Amino acid sequence: MDDLEGVLGPSVTQFVEDHVRSLLTWDILVYFHKNPGEAVDSTALALRLGRRPDELAPEVSALCECDILYCEDGVVRYDPEPATRETIGAFVDACQDRGRRLALIALVLHKIAPHSQQ
C-alpha cells in the first residue's frame, strides 16, 4: 500500500482509509463535493446516484457520524470542516486522473476484501 500512498499522497490515502468504506461512499462524496449546496433526502440522493435508498442508508449514516455530511429530519447536506473539504477536493481531483483513479480503486477494493488481494 506504500506505493499507493506515493501515487495518491498521504492525506488522500489516509482519508480513503478512514472514510471511504465502499465504491458507493466514493460516489456519495464525489456527488456532494461537486454539488456542495445540495440538501436532499435519501430518495432524491438515491435517484441522483442511480441507487436504492436502503443501499445509501449505512454509507450516509457513516459520513454523518464523521461530520462530512450533516443529516437532520431526513435531509442530507455536505458540511465538512474546511480541512476535510480540502482533502475531499484532493480525493475528487485524484478521481479525474486515470492513474490515480486506478490507485484509488485498488485502495478501496483492498479495504473491501483485504484477504482476497493477497
PDB file of N, CA and C in Angstrom:
ATOM      1  N   MET A   1       0.807  -1.194   0.000  1.00  0.00           N
ATOM      2  CA  MET A   1       0.000   0.000   0.000  1.00  0.00           C
ATOM      3  C   MET A   1       0.859   1.271   0.000  1.00  0.00           C
ATOM      4  N   ASP A   2       2.144   1.129   0.342  1.00  0.00           N
ATOM      5  CA  ASP A   2       3.021   2.298   0.334  1.00  0.00           C
ATOM      6  C   ASP A   2       3.137   2.893  -1.070  1.00  0.00           C
ATOM      7  N   ASP A   3       3.109   2.025  -2.093  1.00  0.00           N
ATOM      8  CA  ASP A   3       3.159   2.522  -3.473  1.00  0.00           C
ATOM      9  C   ASP A   3       1.962   3.414  -3.770  1.00  0.00           C
ATOM     10  N   LEU A   4       0.795   3.026  -3.251  1.00  0.00           N
ATOM     11  CA  LEU A   4      -0.410   3.812  -3.478  1.00  0.00           C
ATOM     12  C   LEU A   4      -0.307   5.171  -2.809  1.00  0.00           C
ATOM     13  N   GLU A   5       0.281   5.204  -1.631  1.00  0.00           N
ATOM     14  CA  GLU A   5       0.457   6.478  -0.943  1.00  0.00           C
ATOM     15  C   GLU A   5       1.364   7.393  -1.747  1.00  0.00           C
ATOM     16  N   GLY A   6       2.365   6.826  -2.408  1.00  0.00           N
ATOM     17  CA  GLY A   6       3.246   7.622  -3.248  1.00  0.00           C
ATOM     18  C   GLY A   6       2.514   8.222  -4.440  1.00  0.00           C
ATOM     19  N   VAL A   7       1.525   7.510  -4.962  1.00  0.00           N
ATOM     20  CA  VAL A   7       0.748   7.987  -6.101  1.00  0.00           C
ATOM     21  C   VAL A   7      -0.312   8.985  -5.653  1.00  0.00           C
ATOM     22  N   LEU A   8      -0.958   8.702  -4.530  1.00  0.00           N
ATOM     23  CA  LEU A   8      -2.109   9.495  -4.085  1.00  0.00           C
ATOM     24  C   LEU A   8      -1.761  10.605  -3.110  1.00  0.00           C
ATOM     25  N   GLY A   9      -0.657  10.442  -2.404  1.00  0.00           N
ATOM     26  CA  GLY A   9      -0.311  11.383  -1.346  1.00  0.00           C
ATOM     27  C   GLY A   9      -0.858  10.887  -0.021  1.00  0.00           C
ATOM     28  N   PRO A  10      -0.190  11.229   1.070  1.00  0.00           N
ATOM     29  CA  PRO A  10      -0.587  10.694   2.376  1.00  0.00           C
ATOM     30  C   PRO A  10      -1.963  11.154   2.848  1.00  0.00           C
ATOM     31  N   SER A  11      -2.355  12.392   2.559  1.00  0.00           N
ATOM     32  CA  SER A  11      -3.643  12.858   3.073  1.00  0.00           C
ATOM     33  C   SER A  11      -4.807  12.157   2.379  1.00  0.00           C
ATOM     34  N   VAL A  12      -4.719  11.953   1.071  1.00  0.00           N
ATOM     35  CA  VAL A  12      -5.789  11.259   0.345  1.00  0.00           C
ATOM     36  C   VAL A  12      -5.826   9.791   0.761  1.00  0.00           C
ATOM     37  N   THR A  13      -4.669   9.171   0.866  1.00  0.00           N
ATOM     38  CA  THR A  13      -4.612   7.766   1.277  1.00  0.00           C
ATOM     39  C   THR A  13      -5.236   7.592   2.657  1.00  0.00           C
ATOM     40  N   GLN A  14      -4.886   8.455   3.587  1.00  0.00           N
ATOM     41  CA  GLN A  14      -5.442   8.357   4.937  1.00  0.00           C
ATOM     42  C   GLN A  14      -6.943   8.631   4.930  1.00  0.00           C
ATOM     43  N   PHE A  15      -7.381   9.590   4.133  1.00  0.00           N
ATOM     44  CA  PHE A  15      -8.808   9.886   4.031  1.00  0.00           C
ATOM     45  C   PHE A  15      -9.571   8.655   3.544  1.00  0.00           C
ATOM     46  N   VAL A  16      -9.061   8.000   2.510  1.00  0.00           N
ATOM     47  CA  VAL A  16      -9.711   6.799   1.990  1.00  0.00           C
ATOM     48  C   VAL A  16      -9.743   5.721   3.075  1.00  0.00           C
ATOM     49  N   GLU A  17      -8.627   5.525   3.743  1.00  0.00           N
ATOM     50  CA  GLU A  17      -8.574   4.529   4.819  1.00  0.00           C
ATOM     51  C   GLU A  17      -9.603   4.826   5.902  1.00  0.00           C
ATOM     52  N   ASP A  18      -9.766   6.085   6.239  1.00  0.00           N
ATOM     53  CA  ASP A  18     -10.646   6.476   7.339  1.00  0.00           C
ATOM     54  C   ASP A  18     -12.120   6.573   6.956  1.00  0.00           C
ATOM     55  N   HIS A  19     -12.421   6.949   5.714  1.00  0.00           N
ATOM     56  CA  HIS A  19     -13.800   7.330   5.399  1.00  0.00           C
ATOM     57  C   HIS A  19     -14.449   6.649   4.200  1.00  0.00           C
ATOM     58  N   VAL A  20     -13.685   6.123   3.263  1.00  0.00           N
ATOM     59  CA  VAL A  20     -14.284   5.559   2.054  1.00  0.00           C
ATOM     60  C   VAL A  20     -14.470   4.056   2.262  1.00  0.00           C
ATOM     61  N   ARG A  21     -15.675   3.718   2.715  1.00  0.00           N
ATOM     62  CA  ARG A  21     -15.999   2.329   3.064  1.00  0.00           C
ATOM     63  C   ARG A  21     -16.307   1.470   1.854  1.00  0.00           C
ATOM     64  N   SER A  22     -16.689   2.104   0.750  1.00  0.00           N
ATOM     65  CA  SER A  22     -17.124   1.355  -0.428  1.00  0.00           C
ATOM     66  C   SER A  22     -17.096   2.269  -1.647  1.00  0.00           C
ATOM     67  N   LEU A  23     -17.345   1.678  -2.801  1.00  0.00           N
ATOM     68  CA  LEU A  23     -17.445   2.488  -4.011  1.00  0.00           C
ATOM     69  C   LEU A  23     -18.689   3.369  -3.961  1.00  0.00           C
ATOM     70  N   LEU A  24     -19.708   2.965  -3.216  1.00  0.00           N
ATOM     71  CA  LEU A  24     -20.889   3.805  -3.042  1.00  0.00           C
ATOM     72  C   LEU A  24     -20.551   5.036  -2.212  1.00  0.00           C
ATOM     73  N   THR A  25     -19.765   4.872  -1.166  1.00  0.00           N
ATOM     74  CA  THR A  25     -19.309   6.029  -0.386  1.00  0.00           C
ATOM     75  C   THR A  25     -18.561   6.989  -1.304  1.00  0.00           C
ATOM     76  N   TRP A  26     -17.715   6.443  -2.147  1.00  0.00           N
ATOM     77  CA  TRP A  26     -16.972   7.228  -3.144  1.00  0.00           C
ATOM     78  C   TRP A  26     -17.944   8.066  -3.960  1.00  0.00           C
ATOM     79  N   ASP A  27     -18.989   7.425  -4.500  1.00  0.00           N
ATOM     80  CA  ASP A  27     -19.965   8.141  -5.324  1.00  0.00           C
ATOM     81  C   ASP A  27     -20.658   9.260  -4.545  1.00  0.00           C
ATOM     82  N   ILE A  28     -21.002   8.992  -3.303  1.00  0.00           N
ATOM     83  CA  ILE A  28     -21.669   9.997  -2.465  1.00  0.00           C
ATOM     84  C   ILE A  28     -20.746  11.186  -2.245  1.00  0.00           C
ATOM     85  N   LEU A  29     -19.496  10.920  -1.923  1.00  0.00           N
ATOM     86  CA  LEU A  29     -18.531  12.001  -1.688  1.00  0.00           C
ATOM     87  C   LEU A  29     -18.334  12.857  -2.935  1.00  0.00           C
ATOM     88  N   VAL A  30     -18.168  12.214  -4.078  1.00  0.00           N
ATOM     89  CA  VAL A  30     -17.968  12.958  -5.321  1.00  0.00           C
ATOM     90  C   VAL A  30     -19.216  13.789  -5.626  1.00  0.00           C
ATOM     91  N   TYR A  31     -20.386  13.192  -5.477  1.00  0.00           N
ATOM     92  CA  TYR A  31     -21.623  13.916  -5.758  1.00  0.00           C
ATOM     93  C   TYR A  31     -21.734  15.178  -4.900  1.00  0.00           C
ATOM     94  N   PHE A  32     -21.569  15.024  -3.597  1.00  0.00           N
ATOM     95  CA  PHE A  32     -21.734  16.190  -2.731  1.00  0.00           C
ATOM     96  C   PHE A  32     -20.616  17.209  -2.916  1.00  0.00           C
ATOM     97  N   HIS A  33     -19.406  16.754  -3.193  1.00  0.00           N
ATOM     98  CA  HIS A  33     -18.321  17.717  -3.409  1.00  0.00           C
ATOM     99  C   HIS A  33     -18.581  18.547  -4.668  1.00  0.00           C
ATOM    100  N   LYS A  34     -19.144  17.916  -5.690  1.00  0.00           N
ATOM    101  CA  LYS A  34     -19.442  18.638  -6.927  1.00  0.00           C
ATOM    102  C   LYS A  34     -20.738  19.445  -6.831  1.00  0.00           C
ATOM    103  N   ASN A  35     -21.553  19.151  -5.835  1.00  0.00           N
ATOM    104  CA  ASN A  35     -22.832  19.842  -5.627  1.00  0.00           C
ATOM    105  C   ASN A  35     -22.932  20.271  -4.171  1.00  0.00           C
ATOM    106  N   PRO A  36     -22.031  21.134  -3.719  1.00  0.00           N
ATOM    107  CA  PRO A  36     -21.923  21.432  -2.282  1.00  0.00           C
ATOM    108  C   PRO A  36     -23.149  22.095  -1.662  1.00  0.00           C
ATOM    109  N   GLY A  37     -24.000  22.710  -2.452  1.00  0.00           N
ATOM    110  CA  GLY A  37     -25.177  23.372  -1.899  1.00  0.00           C
ATOM    111  C   GLY A  37     -26.395  22.482  -1.813  1.00  0.00           C
ATOM    112  N   GLU A  38     -26.297  21.255  -2.287  1.00  0.00           N
ATOM    113  CA  GLU A  38     -27.444  20.345  -2.288  1.00  0.00           C
ATOM    114  C   GLU A  38     -27.868  19.989  -0.875  1.00  0.00           C
ATOM    115  N   ALA A  39     -29.164  19.932  -0.679  1.00  0.00           N
ATOM    116  CA  ALA A  39     -29.772  19.414   0.546  1.00  0.00           C
ATOM    117  C   ALA A  39     -30.892  18.503   0.061  1.00  0.00           C
ATOM    118  N   VAL A  40     -30.709  17.201   0.201  1.00  0.00           N
ATOM    119  CA  VAL A  40     -31.630  16.227  -0.366  1.00  0.00           C
ATOM    120  C   VAL A  40     -31.997  15.159   0.642  1.00  0.00           C
ATOM    121  N   ASP A  41     -33.149  14.532   0.420  1.00  0.00           N
ATOM    122  CA  ASP A  41     -33.484  13.372   1.235  1.00  0.00           C
ATOM    123  C   ASP A  41     -32.875  12.136   0.579  1.00  0.00           C
ATOM    124  N   SER A  42     -32.953  11.009   1.263  1.00  0.00           N
ATOM    125  CA  SER A  42     -32.285   9.809   0.760  1.00  0.00           C
ATOM    126  C   SER A  42     -32.891   9.318  -0.554  1.00  0.00           C
ATOM    127  N   THR A  43     -34.187   9.530  -0.758  1.00  0.00           N
ATOM    128  CA  THR A  43     -34.808   9.116  -2.014  1.00  0.00           C
ATOM    129  C   THR A  43     -34.263   9.923  -3.181  1.00  0.00           C
ATOM    130  N   ALA A  44     -34.170  11.239  -3.012  1.00  0.00           N
ATOM    131  CA  ALA A  44     -33.636  12.095  -4.072  1.00  0.00           C
ATOM    132  C   ALA A  44     -32.164  11.771  -4.335  1.00  0.00           C
ATOM    133  N   LEU A  45     -31.391  11.549  -3.282  1.00  0.00           N
ATOM    134  CA  LEU A  45     -29.979  11.201  -3.453  1.00  0.00           C
ATOM    135  C   LEU A  45     -29.854   9.868  -4.183  1.00  0.00           C
ATOM    136  N   ALA A  46     -30.678   8.899  -3.815  1.00  0.00           N
ATOM    137  CA  ALA A  46     -30.643   7.597  -4.468  1.00  0.00           C
ATOM    138  C   ALA A  46     -30.946   7.738  -5.960  1.00  0.00           C
ATOM    139  N   LEU A  47     -31.929   8.554  -6.299  1.00  0.00           N
ATOM    140  CA  LEU A  47     -32.255   8.780  -7.712  1.00  0.00           C
ATOM    141  C   LEU A  47     -31.091   9.412  -8.452  1.00  0.00           C
ATOM    142  N   ARG A  48     -30.449  10.391  -7.836  1.00  0.00           N
ATOM    143  CA  ARG A  48     -29.324  11.072  -8.480  1.00  0.00           C
ATOM    144  C   ARG A  48     -28.140  10.127  -8.708  1.00  0.00           C
ATOM    145  N   LEU A  49     -27.982   9.171  -7.801  1.00  0.00           N
ATOM    146  CA  LEU A  49     -26.853   8.240  -7.911  1.00  0.00           C
ATOM    147  C   LEU A  49     -27.215   6.924  -8.580  1.00  0.00           C
ATOM    148  N   GLY A  50     -28.486   6.747  -8.915  1.00  0.00           N
ATOM    149  CA  GLY A  50     -28.918   5.511  -9.546  1.00  0.00           C
ATOM    150  C   GLY A  50     -28.884   4.326  -8.598  1.00  0.00           C
ATOM    151  N   ARG A  51     -29.187   4.563  -7.349  1.00  0.00           N
ATOM    152  CA  ARG A  51     -29.151   3.519  -6.311  1.00  0.00           C
ATOM    153  C   ARG A  51     -30.480   3.459  -5.578  1.00  0.00           C
ATOM    154  N   ARG A  52     -30.629   2.449  -4.728  1.00  0.00           N
ATOM    155  CA  ARG A  52     -31.805   2.331  -3.878  1.00  0.00           C
ATOM    156  C   ARG A  52     -31.535   3.059  -2.558  1.00  0.00           C
ATOM    157  N   PRO A  53     -32.548   3.714  -1.981  1.00  0.00           N
ATOM    158  CA  PRO A  53     -32.354   4.413  -0.708  1.00  0.00           C
ATOM    159  C   PRO A  53     -31.808   3.517   0.403  1.00  0.00           C
ATOM    160  N   ASP A  54     -32.246   2.259   0.452  1.00  0.00           N
ATOM    161  CA  ASP A  54     -31.763   1.370   1.514  1.00  0.00           C
ATOM    162  C   ASP A  54     -30.274   1.052   1.363  1.00  0.00           C
ATOM    163  N   GLU A  55     -29.750   1.113   0.135  1.00  0.00           N
ATOM    164  CA  GLU A  55     -28.317   0.921  -0.081  1.00  0.00           C
ATOM    165  C   GLU A  55     -27.518   2.094   0.494  1.00  0.00           C
ATOM    166  N   LEU A  56     -28.090   3.286   0.359  1.00  0.00           N
ATOM    167  CA  LEU A  56     -27.398   4.500   0.781  1.00  0.00           C
ATOM    168  C   LEU A  56     -27.341   4.672   2.290  1.00  0.00           C
ATOM    169  N   ALA A  57     -28.355   4.193   2.981  1.00  0.00           N
ATOM    170  CA  ALA A  57     -28.510   4.489   4.409  1.00  0.00           C
ATOM    171  C   ALA A  57     -27.253   4.261   5.248  1.00  0.00           C
ATOM    172  N   PRO A  58     -26.609   3.086   5.177  1.00  0.00           N
ATOM    173  CA  PRO A  58     -25.420   2.902   6.029  1.00  0.00           C
ATOM    174  C   PRO A  58     -24.251   3.814   5.650  1.00  0.00           C
ATOM    175  N   GLU A  59     -24.104   4.081   4.358  1.00  0.00           N
ATOM    176  CA  GLU A  59     -22.994   4.930   3.903  1.00  0.00           C
ATOM    177  C   GLU A  59     -23.224   6.385   4.329  1.00  0.00           C
ATOM    178  N   VAL A  60     -24.451   6.864   4.135  1.00  0.00           N
ATOM    179  CA  VAL A  60     -24.787   8.235   4.539  1.00  0.00           C
ATOM    180  C   VAL A  60     -24.643   8.374   6.049  1.00  0.00           C
ATOM    181  N   SER A  61     -25.121   7.385   6.775  1.00  0.00           N
ATOM    182  CA  SER A  61     -25.020   7.417   8.234  1.00  0.00           C
ATOM    183  C   SER A  61     -23.557   7.514   8.682  1.00  0.00           C
ATOM    184  N   ALA A  62     -22.690   6.721   8.070  1.00  0.00           N
ATOM    185  CA  ALA A  62     -21.262   6.750   8.425  1.00  0.00           C
ATOM    186  C   ALA A  62     -20.650   8.115   8.120  1.00  0.00           C
ATOM    187  N   LEU A  63     -21.021   8.707   6.986  1.00  0.00           N
ATOM    188  CA  LEU A  63     -20.485  10.028   6.627  1.00  0.00           C
ATOM    189  C   LEU A  63     -21.041  11.121   7.532  1.00  0.00           C
ATOM    190  N   CYS A  64     -22.244  10.925   8.043  1.00  0.00           N
ATOM    191  CA  CYS A  64     -22.798  11.887   9.010  1.00  0.00           C
ATOM    192  C   CYS A  64     -22.096  11.751  10.366  1.00  0.00           C
ATOM    193  N   GLU A  65     -21.808  10.527  10.760  1.00  0.00           N
ATOM    194  CA  GLU A  65     -21.126  10.285  12.035  1.00  0.00           C
ATOM    195  C   GLU A  65     -19.752  10.921  12.080  1.00  0.00           C
ATOM    196  N   CYS A  66     -19.088  11.007  10.945  1.00  0.00           N
ATOM    197  CA  CYS A  66     -17.740  11.599  10.925  1.00  0.00           C
ATOM    198  C   CYS A  66     -17.778  13.051  10.456  1.00  0.00           C
ATOM    199  N   ASP A  67     -18.959  13.658  10.460  1.00  0.00           N
ATOM    200  CA  ASP A  67     -19.137  15.096  10.186  1.00  0.00           C
ATOM    201  C   ASP A  67     -18.734  15.534   8.781  1.00  0.00           C
ATOM    202  N   ILE A  68     -18.858  14.633   7.825  1.00  0.00           N
ATOM    203  CA  ILE A  68     -18.666  15.026   6.427  1.00  0.00           C
ATOM    204  C   ILE A  68     -20.005  15.466   5.848  1.00  0.00           C
ATOM    205  N   LEU A  69     -21.037  14.708   6.188  1.00  0.00           N
ATOM    206  CA  LEU A  69     -22.400  15.086   5.828  1.00  0.00           C
ATOM    207  C   LEU A  69     -23.131  15.491   7.092  1.00  0.00           C
ATOM    208  N   TYR A  70     -24.147  16.311   6.908  1.00  0.00           N
ATOM    209  CA  TYR A  70     -24.997  16.729   8.014  1.00  0.00           C
ATOM    210  C   TYR A  70     -26.379  16.191   7.736  1.00  0.00           C
ATOM    211  N   CYS A  71     -26.931  15.449   8.665  1.00  0.00           N
ATOM    212  CA  CYS A  71     -28.230  14.818   8.489  1.00  0.00           C
ATOM    213  C   CYS A  71     -29.188  15.326   9.560  1.00  0.00           C
ATOM    214  N   GLU A  72     -30.332  15.843   9.092  1.00  0.00           N
ATOM    215  CA  GLU A  72     -31.344  16.308  10.040  1.00  0.00           C
ATOM    216  C   GLU A  72     -32.715  16.213   9.385  1.00  0.00           C
ATOM    217  N   ASP A  73     -33.648  15.624  10.102  1.00  0.00           N
ATOM    218  CA  ASP A  73     -35.029  15.489   9.632  1.00  0.00           C
ATOM    219  C   ASP A  73     -35.114  14.856   8.242  1.00  0.00           C
ATOM    220  N   GLY A  74     -34.265  13.872   7.990  1.00  0.00           N
ATOM    221  CA  GLY A  74     -34.299  13.169   6.722  1.00  0.00           C
ATOM    222  C   GLY A  74     -33.606  13.867   5.572  1.00  0.00           C
ATOM    223  N   VAL A  75     -33.041  15.043   5.818  1.00  0.00           N
ATOM    224  CA  VAL A  75     -32.346  15.802   4.778  1.00  0.00           C
ATOM    225  C   VAL A  75     -30.843  15.690   5.006  1.00  0.00           C
ATOM    226  N   VAL A  76     -30.135  15.496   3.920  1.00  0.00           N
ATOM    227  CA  VAL A  76     -28.681  15.321   3.962  1.00  0.00           C
ATOM    228  C   VAL A  76     -28.045  16.462   3.183  1.00  0.00           C
ATOM    229  N   ARG A  77     -26.972  17.027   3.770  1.00  0.00           N
ATOM    230  CA  ARG A  77     -26.210  18.042   3.039  1.00  0.00           C
ATOM    231  C   ARG A  77     -24.736  17.883   3.368  1.00  0.00           C
ATOM    232  N   TYR A  78     -23.927  18.441   2.518  1.00  0.00           N
ATOM    233  CA  TYR A  78     -22.462  18.381   2.616  1.00  0.00           C
ATOM    234  C   TYR A  78     -22.005  19.452   3.596  1.00  0.00           C
ATOM    235  N   ASP A  79     -21.270  19.047   4.640  1.00  0.00           N
ATOM    236  CA  ASP A  79     -20.881  20.016   5.652  1.00  0.00           C
ATOM    237  C   ASP A  79     -19.571  19.660   6.357  1.00  0.00           C
ATOM    238  N   PRO A  80     -18.511  19.341   5.591  1.00  0.00           N
ATOM    239  CA  PRO A  80     -17.248  19.012   6.268  1.00  0.00           C
ATOM    240  C   PRO A  80     -16.520  20.269   6.753  1.00  0.00           C
ATOM    241  N   GLU A  81     -15.628  20.067   7.698  1.00  0.00           N
ATOM    242  CA  GLU A  81     -14.728  21.136   8.139  1.00  0.00           C
ATOM    243  C   GLU A  81     -13.868  21.547   6.941  1.00  0.00           C
ATOM    244  N   PRO A  82     -13.352  22.779   6.948  1.00  0.00           N
ATOM    245  CA  PRO A  82     -12.546  23.242   5.803  1.00  0.00           C
ATOM    246  C   PRO A  82     -11.374  22.322   5.443  1.00  0.00           C
ATOM    247  N   ALA A  83     -10.656  21.822   6.420  1.00  0.00           N
ATOM    248  CA  ALA A  83      -9.514  20.947   6.111  1.00  0.00           C
ATOM    249  C   ALA A  83      -9.984  19.640   5.482  1.00  0.00           C
ATOM    250  N   THR A  84     -11.082  19.114   5.977  1.00  0.00           N
ATOM    251  CA  THR A  84     -11.634  17.875   5.413  1.00  0.00           C
ATOM    252  C   THR A  84     -12.151  18.136   4.007  1.00  0.00           C
ATOM    253  N   ARG A  85     -12.796  19.289   3.807  1.00  0.00           N
ATOM    254  CA  ARG A  85     -13.297  19.652   2.474  1.00  0.00           C
ATOM    255  C   ARG A  85     -12.127  19.717   1.482  1.00  0.00           C
ATOM    256  N   GLU A  86     -11.003  20.252   1.924  1.00  0.00           N
ATOM    257  CA  GLU A  86      -9.816  20.338   1.064  1.00  0.00           C
ATOM    258  C   GLU A  86      -9.306  18.943   0.700  1.00  0.00           C
ATOM    259  N   THR A  87      -9.284  18.039   1.682  1.00  0.00           N
ATOM    260  CA  THR A  87      -8.836  16.671   1.423  1.00  0.00           C
ATOM    261  C   THR A  87      -9.812  15.960   0.489  1.00  0.00           C
ATOM    262  N   ILE A  88     -11.112  16.182   0.684  1.00  0.00           N
ATOM    263  CA  ILE A  88     -12.103  15.590  -0.223  1.00  0.00           C
ATOM    264  C   ILE A  88     -11.895  16.150  -1.627  1.00  0.00           C
ATOM    265  N   GLY A  89     -11.576  17.425  -1.734  1.00  0.00           N
ATOM    266  CA  GLY A  89     -11.262  18.012  -3.034  1.00  0.00           C
ATOM    267  C   GLY A  89     -10.083  17.325  -3.693  1.00  0.00           C
ATOM    268  N   ALA A  90      -9.054  17.014  -2.913  1.00  0.00           N
ATOM    269  CA  ALA A  90      -7.890  16.295  -3.449  1.00  0.00           C
ATOM    270  C   ALA A  90      -8.283  14.885  -3.879  1.00  0.00           C
ATOM    271  N   PHE A  91      -9.159  14.249  -3.109  1.00  0.00           N
ATOM    272  CA  PHE A  91      -9.679  12.927  -3.460  1.00  0.00           C
ATOM    273  C   PHE A  91     -10.443  12.998  -4.789  1.00  0.00           C
ATOM    274  N   VAL A  92     -11.334  13.971  -4.914  1.00  0.00           N
ATOM    275  CA  VAL A  92     -12.121  14.134  -6.143  1.00  0.00           C
ATOM    276  C   VAL A  92     -11.200  14.446  -7.318  1.00  0.00           C
ATOM    277  N   ASP A  93     -10.203  15.284  -7.109  1.00  0.00           N
ATOM    278  CA  ASP A  93      -9.235  15.580  -8.167  1.00  0.00           C
ATOM    279  C   ASP A  93      -8.502  14.306  -8.603  1.00  0.00           C
ATOM    280  N   ALA A  94      -8.142  13.467  -7.625  1.00  0.00           N
ATOM    281  CA  ALA A  94      -7.450  12.217  -7.936  1.00  0.00           C
ATOM    282  C   ALA A  94      -8.333  11.303  -8.780  1.00  0.00           C
ATOM    283  N   CYS A  95      -9.645  11.386  -8.571  1.00  0.00           N
ATOM    284  CA  CYS A  95     -10.588  10.571  -9.354  1.00  0.00           C
ATOM    285  C   CYS A  95     -10.554  10.931 -10.837  1.00  0.00           C
ATOM    286  N   GLN A  96     -10.112  12.137 -11.162  1.00  0.00           N
ATOM    287  CA  GLN A  96     -10.127  12.615 -12.546  1.00  0.00           C
ATOM    288  C   GLN A  96      -8.913  12.149 -13.354  1.00  0.00           C
ATOM    289  N   ASP A  97      -7.872  11.707 -12.674  1.00  0.00           N
ATOM    290  CA  ASP A  97      -6.646  11.257 -13.333  1.00  0.00           C
ATOM    291  C   ASP A  97      -6.647   9.727 -13.386  1.00  0.00           C
ATOM    292  N   ARG A  98      -6.491   9.159 -14.569  1.00  0.00           N
ATOM    293  CA  ARG A  98      -6.612   7.713 -14.747  1.00  0.00           C
ATOM    294  C   ARG A  98      -5.707   6.918 -13.805  1.00  0.00           C
ATOM    295  N   GLY A  99      -4.438   7.253 -13.750  1.00  0.00           N
ATOM    296  CA  GLY A  99      -3.502   6.515 -12.908  1.00  0.00           C
ATOM    297  C   GLY A  99      -3.846   6.611 -11.434  1.00  0.00           C
ATOM    298  N   ARG A 100      -4.188   7.796 -11.003  1.00  0.00           N
ATOM    299  CA  ARG A 100      -4.558   7.989  -9.599  1.00  0.00           C
ATOM    300  C   ARG A 100      -5.905   7.339  -9.294  1.00  0.00           C
ATOM    301  N   ARG A 101      -6.836   7.374 -10.249  1.00  0.00           N
ATOM    302  CA  ARG A 101      -8.140   6.727 -10.063  1.00  0.00           C
ATOM    303  C   ARG A 101      -7.951   5.221  -9.888  1.00  0.00           C
ATOM    304  N   LEU A 102      -7.067   4.627 -10.687  1.00  0.00           N
ATOM    305  CA  LEU A 102      -6.788   3.200 -10.546  1.00  0.00           C
ATOM    306  C   LEU A 102      -6.182   2.890  -9.172  1.00  0.00           C
ATOM    307  N   ALA A 103      -5.317   3.769  -8.696  1.00  0.00           N
ATOM    308  CA  ALA A 103      -4.745   3.583  -7.358  1.00  0.00           C
ATOM    309  C   ALA A 103      -5.840   3.678  -6.299  1.00  0.00           C
ATOM    310  N   LEU A 104      -6.765   4.624  -6.460  1.00  0.00           N
ATOM    311  CA  LEU A 104      -7.882   4.751  -5.520  1.00  0.00           C
ATOM    312  C   LEU A 104      -8.743   3.493  -5.526  1.00  0.00           C
ATOM    313  N   ILE A 105      -9.048   3.000  -6.715  1.00  0.00           N
ATOM    314  CA  ILE A 105      -9.858   1.786  -6.820  1.00  0.00           C
ATOM    315  C   ILE A 105      -9.159   0.630  -6.115  1.00  0.00           C
ATOM    316  N   ALA A 106      -7.870   0.487  -6.341  1.00  0.00           N
ATOM    317  CA  ALA A 106      -7.111  -0.583  -5.680  1.00  0.00           C
ATOM    318  C   ALA A 106      -7.172  -0.446  -4.171  1.00  0.00           C
ATOM    319  N   LEU A 107      -7.041   0.768  -3.674  1.00  0.00           N
ATOM    320  CA  LEU A 107      -7.075   1.007  -2.231  1.00  0.00           C
ATOM    321  C   LEU A 107      -8.448   0.668  -1.651  1.00  0.00           C
ATOM    322  N   VAL A 108      -9.506   1.102  -2.315  1.00  0.00           N
ATOM    323  CA  VAL A 108     -10.861   0.821  -1.824  1.00  0.00           C
ATOM    324  C   VAL A 108     -11.157  -0.678  -1.905  1.00  0.00           C
ATOM    325  N   LEU A 109     -10.795  -1.311  -3.005  1.00  0.00           N
ATOM    326  CA  LEU A 109     -11.045  -2.744  -3.132  1.00  0.00           C
ATOM    327  C   LEU A 109     -10.264  -3.533  -2.090  1.00  0.00           C
ATOM    328  N   HIS A 110      -9.084  -3.102  -1.778  1.00  0.00           N
ATOM    329  CA  HIS A 110      -8.302  -3.765  -0.734  1.00  0.00           C
ATOM    330  C   HIS A 110      -8.998  -3.644   0.614  1.00  0.00           C
ATOM    331  N   LYS A 111      -9.618  -2.507   0.871  1.00  0.00           N
ATOM    332  CA  LYS A 111     -10.370  -2.327   2.124  1.00  0.00           C
ATOM    333  C   LYS A 111     -11.585  -3.241   2.168  1.00  0.00           C
ATOM    334  N   ILE A 112     -12.270  -3.391   1.027  1.00  0.00           N
ATOM    335  CA  ILE A 112     -13.497  -4.190   0.972  1.00  0.00           C
ATOM    336  C   ILE A 112     -13.183  -5.673   1.168  1.00  0.00           C
ATOM    337  N   ALA A 113     -12.138  -6.152   0.544  1.00  0.00           N
ATOM    338  CA  ALA A 113     -11.792  -7.573   0.589  1.00  0.00           C
ATOM    339  C   ALA A 113     -10.296  -7.742   0.773  1.00  0.00           C
ATOM    340  N   PRO A 114      -9.763  -7.379   1.949  1.00  0.00           N
ATOM    341  CA  PRO A 114      -8.304  -7.406   2.138  1.00  0.00           C
ATOM    342  C   PRO A 114      -7.675  -8.781   1.999  1.00  0.00           C
ATOM    343  N   HIS A 115      -8.392  -9.831   2.332  1.00  0.00           N
ATOM    344  CA  HIS A 115      -7.796 -11.162   2.293  1.00  0.00           C
ATOM    345  C   HIS A 115      -7.735 -11.749   0.895  1.00  0.00           C
ATOM    346  N   SER A 116      -8.628 -11.322   0.011  1.00  0.00           N
ATOM    347  CA  SER A 116      -8.622 -11.864  -1.336  1.00  0.00           C
ATOM    348  C   SER A 116      -7.565 -11.198  -2.219  1.00  0.00           C
ATOM    349  N   GLN A 117      -6.933 -10.130  -1.740  1.00  0.00           N
ATOM    350  CA  GLN A 117      -5.938  -9.406  -2.519  1.00  0.00           C
ATOM    351  C   GLN A 117      -4.514  -9.921  -2.271  1.00  0.00           C
ATOM    352  N   GLN A 118      -4.363 -10.904  -1.412  1.00  0.00           N
ATOM    353  CA  GLN A 118      -3.020 -11.353  -1.049  1.00  0.00           C
ATOM    354  C   GLN A 118      -2.505 -12.421  -1.975  1.00  0.00           C
TER     355      GLN A 118
END
